[in-house]
């Protein structure tokens, strides 16, 4: 038992150092527009910081709310700034768009570094049709059209 305690006491500083390893930090997130019509796309722009330098970043990824659907990577547009656009077609693939009233979809951006440390942020995107329209199978139709007919 003394040997196990001795090994633990020797390993503890290294484990504590690993726990204190700085990771990526999402410092800014912009979503424009925040309300999306069926013919539009929304752009997500993030800024990331890393104490060890930006070379430590592996990348940034966009997911749905529970991270079960991957929309794809964000492209780096400048040092530490990443961006992607998303429209109804991509959102509909992740989860069918059908509603009578506007809905909100939550998107999650995850950034990862070389050590596998991550930071993430959620953004909400409101989906709506024009006045007197509703969404059926990912498209907006006049309220007079029954979704079962499209």
C-alpha atoms as a PDB file:
ATOM      1  CA  UNK A   1       0.000   0.000   0.000  1.00  0.00           C
ATOM      2  CA  UNK A   2       2.900   2.363   0.665  1.00  0.00           C
ATOM      3  CA  UNK A   3       4.137   1.863  -2.878  1.00  0.00           C
ATOM      4  CA  UNK A   4       0.767   2.876  -4.369  1.00  0.00           C
ATOM      5  CA  UNK A   5       0.622   6.005  -2.224  1.00  0.00           C
ATOM      6  CA  UNK A   6       4.206   6.832  -3.190  1.00  0.00           C
ATOM      7  CA  UNK A   7       3.379   6.481  -6.895  1.00  0.00           C
ATOM      8  CA  UNK A   8       0.282   8.619  -6.467  1.00  0.00           C
ATOM      9  CA  UNK A   9       2.251  11.346  -4.690  1.00  0.00           C
ATOM     10  CA  UNK A  10       4.819  11.341  -7.533  1.00  0.00           C
ATOM     11  CA  UNK A  11       2.136  11.482 -10.223  1.00  0.00           C
ATOM     12  CA  UNK A  12      -0.019  14.126  -8.528  1.00  0.00           C
ATOM     13  CA  UNK A  13       2.016  17.172  -9.700  1.00  0.00           C
ATOM     14  CA  UNK A  14       1.915  15.971 -13.303  1.00  0.00           C
ATOM     15  CA  UNK A  15      -1.833  15.345 -13.098  1.00  0.00           C
ATOM     16  CA  UNK A  16      -2.394  18.795 -11.580  1.00  0.00           C
ATOM     17  CA  UNK A  17      -0.304  20.374 -14.343  1.00  0.00           C
ATOM     18  CA  UNK A  18      -2.371  18.562 -16.982  1.00  0.00           C
ATOM     19  CA  UNK A  19      -5.602  19.825 -15.395  1.00  0.00           C
ATOM     20  CA  UNK A  20      -4.281  23.403 -15.553  1.00  0.00           C
ATOM     21  CA  UNK A  21      -3.304  23.228 -19.217  1.00  0.00           C
ATOM     22  CA  UNK A  22      -4.891  26.202 -20.929  1.00  0.00           C
ATOM     23  CA  UNK A  23      -7.173  25.463 -23.817  1.00  0.00           C
ATOM     24  CA  UNK A  24      -8.934  27.444 -26.499  1.00  0.00           C
ATOM     25  CA  UNK A  25     -11.298  30.214 -25.473  1.00  0.00           C
ATOM     26  CA  UNK A  26     -14.133  31.515 -27.619  1.00  0.00           C
ATOM     27  CA  UNK A  27     -13.922  35.263 -27.100  1.00  0.00           C
ATOM     28  CA  UNK A  28     -16.536  36.544 -29.577  1.00  0.00           C
ATOM     29  CA  UNK A  29     -19.498  35.051 -31.409  1.00  0.00           C
ATOM     30  CA  UNK A  30     -21.566  36.828 -34.053  1.00  0.00           C
ATOM     31  CA  UNK A  31     -24.654  35.459 -35.786  1.00  0.00           C
ATOM     32  CA  UNK A  32     -26.170  37.484 -38.637  1.00  0.00           C
ATOM     33  CA  UNK A  33     -29.019  37.525 -39.243  1.00  0.00           C
ATOM     34  CA  UNK A  34     -30.460  35.996 -36.081  1.00  0.00           C
ATOM     35  CA  UNK A  35     -33.873  35.537 -37.742  1.00  0.00           C
ATOM     36  CA  UNK A  36     -33.797  33.470 -40.898  1.00  0.00           C
ATOM     37  CA  UNK A  37     -36.317  33.265 -43.741  1.00  0.00           C
ATOM     38  CA  UNK A  38     -36.380  30.195 -46.002  1.00  0.00           C
ATOM     39  CA  UNK A  39     -34.470  31.984 -48.793  1.00  0.00           C
ATOM     40  CA  UNK A  40     -31.702  33.356 -46.571  1.00  0.00           C
ATOM     41  CA  UNK A  41     -28.489  32.110 -45.003  1.00  0.00           C
ATOM     42  CA  UNK A  42     -27.077  33.071 -41.644  1.00  0.00           C
ATOM     43  CA  UNK A  43     -23.363  33.610 -41.017  1.00  0.00           C
ATOM     44  CA  UNK A  44     -21.647  32.566 -37.804  1.00  0.00           C
ATOM     45  CA  UNK A  45     -18.326  34.266 -37.050  1.00  0.00           C
ATOM     46  CA  UNK A  46     -16.235  33.393 -33.992  1.00  0.00           C
ATOM     47  CA  UNK A  47     -12.987  34.644 -32.538  1.00  0.00           C
ATOM     48  CA  UNK A  48     -10.804  32.209 -30.616  1.00  0.00           C
ATOM     49  CA  UNK A  49      -7.864  32.821 -28.263  1.00  0.00           C
ATOM     50  CA  UNK A  50      -5.307  30.302 -27.031  1.00  0.00           C
ATOM     51  CA  UNK A  51      -2.695  31.105 -24.366  1.00  0.00           C
ATOM     52  CA  UNK A  52      -0.159  28.872 -26.134  1.00  0.00           C
ATOM     53  CA  UNK A  53      -0.750  30.542 -29.502  1.00  0.00           C
ATOM     54  CA  UNK A  54      -3.133  30.023 -32.386  1.00  0.00           C
ATOM     55  CA  UNK A  55      -0.982  27.212 -33.833  1.00  0.00           C
ATOM     56  CA  UNK A  56      -2.437  25.056 -31.045  1.00  0.00           C
ATOM     57  CA  UNK A  57      -5.926  25.178 -32.591  1.00  0.00           C
ATOM     58  CA  UNK A  58      -7.146  22.134 -34.490  1.00  0.00           C
ATOM     59  CA  UNK A  59     -10.303  23.834 -35.709  1.00  0.00           C
ATOM     60  CA  UNK A  60     -13.892  24.829 -35.106  1.00  0.00           C
ATOM     61  CA  UNK A  61     -16.973  22.716 -35.842  1.00  0.00           C
ATOM     62  CA  UNK A  62     -20.703  23.463 -36.049  1.00  0.00           C
ATOM     63  CA  UNK A  63     -23.266  21.044 -34.593  1.00  0.00           C
ATOM     64  CA  UNK A  64     -26.956  20.923 -33.746  1.00  0.00           C
ATOM     65  CA  UNK A  65     -28.076  21.423 -30.152  1.00  0.00           C
ATOM     66  CA  UNK A  66     -27.253  17.930 -28.809  1.00  0.00           C
ATOM     67  CA  UNK A  67     -24.204  17.590 -31.101  1.00  0.00           C
ATOM     68  CA  UNK A  68     -25.712  14.539 -32.806  1.00  0.00           C
ATOM     69  CA  UNK A  69     -25.575  16.236 -36.222  1.00  0.00           C
ATOM     70  CA  UNK A  70     -22.413  17.798 -37.648  1.00  0.00           C
ATOM     71  CA  UNK A  71     -22.965  20.678 -40.072  1.00  0.00           C
ATOM     72  CA  UNK A  72     -19.254  20.948 -40.838  1.00  0.00           C
ATOM     73  CA  UNK A  73     -16.149  22.944 -40.020  1.00  0.00           C
ATOM     74  CA  UNK A  74     -15.865  26.695 -39.785  1.00  0.00           C
ATOM     75  CA  UNK A  75     -13.259  28.096 -42.166  1.00  0.00           C
ATOM     76  CA  UNK A  76     -10.455  30.279 -40.861  1.00  0.00           C
ATOM     77  CA  UNK A  77     -10.802  33.767 -42.344  1.00  0.00           C
ATOM     78  CA  UNK A  78      -7.916  35.329 -40.392  1.00  0.00           C
ATOM     79  CA  UNK A  79      -5.778  34.513 -37.361  1.00  0.00           C
ATOM     80  CA  UNK A  80      -8.161  33.234 -34.707  1.00  0.00           C
ATOM     81  CA  UNK A  81     -11.318  34.150 -36.649  1.00  0.00           C
ATOM     82  CA  UNK A  82     -13.488  31.398 -38.126  1.00  0.00           C
ATOM     83  CA  UNK A  83     -16.694  31.609 -40.127  1.00  0.00           C
ATOM     84  CA  UNK A  84     -19.415  29.544 -41.794  1.00  0.00           C
ATOM     85  CA  UNK A  85     -22.863  30.073 -43.249  1.00  0.00           C
ATOM     86  CA  UNK A  86     -25.963  27.943 -42.791  1.00  0.00           C
ATOM     87  CA  UNK A  87     -29.342  27.950 -44.478  1.00  0.00           C
ATOM     88  CA  UNK A  88     -32.669  26.155 -44.294  1.00  0.00           C
ATOM     89  CA  UNK A  89     -31.530  23.203 -46.424  1.00  0.00           C
ATOM     90  CA  UNK A  90     -28.780  22.260 -43.950  1.00  0.00           C
ATOM     91  CA  UNK A  91     -31.022  22.875 -40.947  1.00  0.00           C
ATOM     92  CA  UNK A  92     -33.770  20.752 -42.539  1.00  0.00           C
ATOM     93  CA  UNK A  93     -31.329  17.828 -43.004  1.00  0.00           C
ATOM     94  CA  UNK A  94     -30.551  17.866 -39.284  1.00  0.00           C
ATOM     95  CA  UNK A  95     -34.193  18.090 -38.221  1.00  0.00           C
ATOM     96  CA  UNK A  96     -37.218  18.598 -40.482  1.00  0.00           C
ATOM     97  CA  UNK A  97     -38.522  22.149 -40.592  1.00  0.00           C
ATOM     98  CA  UNK A  98     -42.286  22.234 -40.246  1.00  0.00           C
ATOM     99  CA  UNK A  99     -44.196  24.824 -38.226  1.00  0.00           C
ATOM    100  CA  UNK A 100     -47.155  27.179 -38.131  1.00  0.00           C
ATOM    101  CA  UNK A 101     -45.356  29.724 -35.962  1.00  0.00           C
ATOM    102  CA  UNK A 102     -41.653  30.715 -35.881  1.00  0.00           C
ATOM    103  CA  UNK A 103     -39.321  28.266 -34.149  1.00  0.00           C
ATOM    104  CA  UNK A 104     -35.839  28.509 -32.671  1.00  0.00           C
ATOM    105  CA  UNK A 105     -32.937  26.210 -33.470  1.00  0.00           C
ATOM    106  CA  UNK A 106     -29.904  26.052 -31.221  1.00  0.00           C
ATOM    107  CA  UNK A 107     -26.516  25.614 -32.865  1.00  0.00           C
ATOM    108  CA  UNK A 108     -23.302  24.717 -31.039  1.00  0.00           C
ATOM    109  CA  UNK A 109     -19.812  25.808 -32.085  1.00  0.00           C
ATOM    110  CA  UNK A 110     -16.986  23.671 -30.672  1.00  0.00           C
ATOM    111  CA  UNK A 111     -13.307  24.629 -30.923  1.00  0.00           C
ATOM    112  CA  UNK A 112     -10.573  22.084 -30.189  1.00  0.00           C
ATOM    113  CA  UNK A 113      -6.836  22.332 -29.634  1.00  0.00           C
ATOM    114  CA  UNK A 114      -3.967  19.872 -30.144  1.00  0.00           C
ATOM    115  CA  UNK A 115      -4.390  18.521 -26.594  1.00  0.00           C
ATOM    116  CA  UNK A 116      -8.061  17.717 -27.200  1.00  0.00           C
ATOM    117  CA  UNK A 117      -9.231  20.543 -24.945  1.00  0.00           C
ATOM    118  CA  UNK A 118     -12.431  22.179 -26.168  1.00  0.00           C
ATOM    119  CA  UNK A 119     -14.528  25.255 -25.639  1.00  0.00           C
ATOM    120  CA  UNK A 120     -18.041  25.631 -26.949  1.00  0.00           C
ATOM    121  CA  UNK A 121     -20.786  28.181 -27.308  1.00  0.00           C
ATOM    122  CA  UNK A 122     -24.462  27.924 -28.248  1.00  0.00           C
ATOM    123  CA  UNK A 123     -26.318  30.377 -30.470  1.00  0.00           C
ATOM    124  CA  UNK A 124     -30.018  30.545 -31.223  1.00  0.00           C
ATOM    125  CA  UNK A 125     -31.354  31.027 -34.713  1.00  0.00           C
ATOM    126  CA  UNK A 126     -35.025  31.911 -35.209  1.00  0.00           C
ATOM    127  CA  UNK A 127     -36.696  30.393 -38.281  1.00  0.00           C
ATOM    128  CA  UNK A 128     -39.776  32.053 -39.666  1.00  0.00           C
ATOM    129  CA  UNK A 129     -41.777  32.406 -42.838  1.00  0.00           C
ATOM    130  CA  UNK A 130     -43.243  35.581 -44.233  1.00  0.00           C
ATOM    131  CA  UNK A 131     -46.612  36.880 -43.024  1.00  0.00           C
ATOM    132  CA  UNK A 132     -49.477  34.488 -43.862  1.00  0.00           C
ATOM    133  CA  UNK A 133     -47.075  31.589 -44.483  1.00  0.00           C
ATOM    134  CA  UNK A 134     -46.050  28.461 -42.621  1.00  0.00           C
ATOM    135  CA  UNK A 135     -43.307  25.859 -43.110  1.00  0.00           C
ATOM    136  CA  UNK A 136     -43.966  22.461 -44.676  1.00  0.00           C
ATOM    137  CA  UNK A 137     -41.149  20.000 -45.342  1.00  0.00           C
ATOM    138  CA  UNK A 138     -38.482  22.697 -45.140  1.00  0.00           C
ATOM    139  CA  UNK A 139     -40.157  25.326 -47.336  1.00  0.00           C
ATOM    140  CA  UNK A 140     -42.573  28.189 -46.734  1.00  0.00           C
ATOM    141  CA  UNK A 141     -46.059  27.977 -48.237  1.00  0.00           C
ATOM    142  CA  UNK A 142     -49.179  30.143 -47.938  1.00  0.00           C
ATOM    143  CA  UNK A 143     -51.253  29.303 -44.852  1.00  0.00           C
ATOM    144  CA  UNK A 144     -54.007  28.087 -47.198  1.00  0.00           C
ATOM    145  CA  UNK A 145     -51.784  25.168 -48.342  1.00  0.00           C
ATOM    146  CA  UNK A 146     -52.091  22.065 -46.163  1.00  0.00           C
ATOM    147  CA  UNK A 147     -48.732  20.468 -45.405  1.00  0.00           C
ATOM    148  CA  UNK A 148     -50.131  17.039 -46.296  1.00  0.00           C
ATOM    149  CA  UNK A 149     -50.624  18.308 -49.861  1.00  0.00           C
ATOM    150  CA  UNK A 150     -46.957  19.185 -50.510  1.00  0.00           C
END
